Amino acid sequence: MPQFIFAYHGGKTPDTPEEGEKVMAEWMAWFGSMGDAVAVPGNPVGMSKTVSASGVADDGGANPLSGYTVVNAADMDAATEMAKGCPMVVSGNGTVEVAEIIEM
């Protein structure tokens, strides 16, 4: 079955431990709803640097990555349907970029 990467953009760090617990529960419920389709739950990521031929930029690029997950799905349509349930999408605080992982 094809694999797809979910690249998260946006979101925010919870302000309190209680908010952090609530957010984590939302993510765990979403992962639970996808069951065995979640191949690699992934993690949030820190600020990135963009490396190009002209040098290194510290700003994280035009749309900084905030985390990732790898899922198994029958096709792109199935993967994008799963992504619609992401807590960042549901709350309106972020987006999910979906791309098929090409086996080499």
Protein backbone atom coordinates (compact mmCIF):
# COMPACT_ATOMS: atom_id res chain seq x y z
CA MET A 1 0.00 0.00 0.00
CA PRO A 2 1.33 3.46 -0.84
CA GLN A 3 2.64 5.69 1.92
CA PHE A 4 2.02 9.42 2.22
CA ILE A 5 3.74 12.05 4.31
CA PHE A 6 1.67 14.63 6.13
CA ALA A 7 3.75 17.81 6.49
CA TYR A 8 2.20 20.11 9.07
CA HIS A 9 2.39 23.88 8.74
CA GLY A 10 1.22 26.28 11.42
CA GLY A 11 -0.19 25.52 14.82
CA LYS A 12 1.17 26.88 18.06
CA THR A 13 2.80 25.68 21.23
CA PRO A 14 0.23 25.26 24.02
CA ASP A 15 0.32 28.07 26.60
CA THR A 16 -0.38 25.88 29.65
CA PRO A 17 0.15 22.25 30.67
CA GLU A 18 -3.63 21.80 30.66
CA GLU A 19 -3.89 23.11 27.11
CA GLY A 20 -1.01 20.79 26.15
CA GLU A 21 -2.88 17.79 27.55
CA LYS A 22 -6.03 18.78 25.64
CA VAL A 23 -4.11 19.20 22.37
CA MET A 24 -2.29 15.88 22.86
CA ALA A 25 -5.62 14.13 23.49
CA GLU A 26 -6.98 15.58 20.22
CA TRP A 27 -3.96 14.31 18.29
CA MET A 28 -4.12 10.87 19.92
CA ALA A 29 -7.85 10.61 19.12
CA TRP A 30 -7.15 11.50 15.49
CA PHE A 31 -4.33 8.97 15.25
CA GLY A 32 -6.63 6.40 16.88
CA SER A 33 -9.34 7.10 14.29
CA MET A 34 -6.84 6.24 11.52
CA GLY A 35 -5.82 2.97 13.22
CA ASP A 36 -3.18 0.91 11.42
CA ALA A 37 -2.95 3.50 8.63
CA VAL A 38 -0.53 5.46 10.85
CA ALA A 39 2.86 4.05 9.86
CA VAL A 40 5.03 6.67 11.62
CA PRO A 41 3.23 9.00 14.06
CA GLY A 42 6.06 11.51 13.67
CA ASN A 43 6.71 14.51 15.87
CA PRO A 44 6.59 18.27 15.97
CA VAL A 45 9.77 19.91 14.73
CA GLY A 46 11.71 23.01 15.77
CA MET A 47 12.51 26.02 13.63
CA SER A 48 14.20 25.01 10.41
CA LYS A 49 16.90 26.54 8.25
CA THR A 50 16.60 26.71 4.49
CA VAL A 51 19.72 25.64 2.59
CA SER A 52 20.13 26.77 -1.02
CA ALA A 53 22.94 27.44 -3.48
CA SER A 54 23.03 31.03 -2.24
CA GLY A 55 23.47 30.10 1.43
CA VAL A 56 21.52 29.31 4.59
CA ALA A 57 18.46 31.25 5.72
CA ASP A 58 17.40 31.06 9.37
CA ASP A 59 13.75 31.97 8.84
CA GLY A 60 12.31 28.51 8.17
CA GLY A 61 11.21 29.45 4.67
CA ALA A 62 7.95 30.86 3.37
CA ASN A 63 5.82 28.21 5.09
CA PRO A 64 7.81 26.60 7.93
CA LEU A 65 7.31 22.94 8.71
CA SER A 66 5.91 22.29 12.18
CA GLY A 67 5.78 18.49 12.16
CA TYR A 68 5.17 15.32 10.15
CA THR A 69 3.40 11.94 10.07
CA VAL A 70 3.61 9.03 7.62
CA VAL A 71 0.40 7.13 6.77
CA ASN A 72 -0.60 4.20 4.59
CA ALA A 73 -3.48 4.92 2.22
CA ALA A 74 -4.93 3.40 -0.93
CA ASP A 75 -4.43 6.62 -2.91
CA MET A 76 -4.06 10.40 -2.66
CA ASP A 77 -7.82 10.88 -2.20
CA ALA A 78 -7.87 8.53 0.80
CA ALA A 79 -4.81 10.24 2.30
CA THR A 80 -6.30 13.72 1.91
CA GLU A 81 -9.54 12.54 3.53
CA MET A 82 -7.51 11.38 6.54
CA ALA A 83 -5.68 14.72 6.66
CA LYS A 84 -8.98 16.60 6.93
CA GLY A 85 -9.32 15.26 10.49
CA CYS A 86 -6.01 16.74 11.66
CA PRO A 87 -6.55 18.82 14.82
CA MET A 88 -4.70 21.77 13.24
CA VAL A 89 -7.04 21.70 10.23
CA VAL A 90 -10.17 21.24 12.34
CA SER A 91 -9.21 24.16 14.61
CA GLY A 92 -8.19 26.38 11.69
CA ASN A 93 -4.70 26.87 13.18
CA GLY A 94 -2.73 25.16 10.43
CA THR A 95 -2.59 23.12 7.26
CA VAL A 96 -1.46 19.67 6.16
CA GLU A 97 0.51 19.18 2.98
CA VAL A 98 0.02 15.61 1.66
CA ALA A 99 2.57 13.97 -0.66
CA GLU A 100 3.02 10.38 -1.78
CA ILE A 101 6.32 8.81 -0.78
CA ILE A 102 7.81 7.35 -3.96
CA GLU A 103 9.61 4.03 -3.54
CA MET A 104 13.03 4.03 -5.21
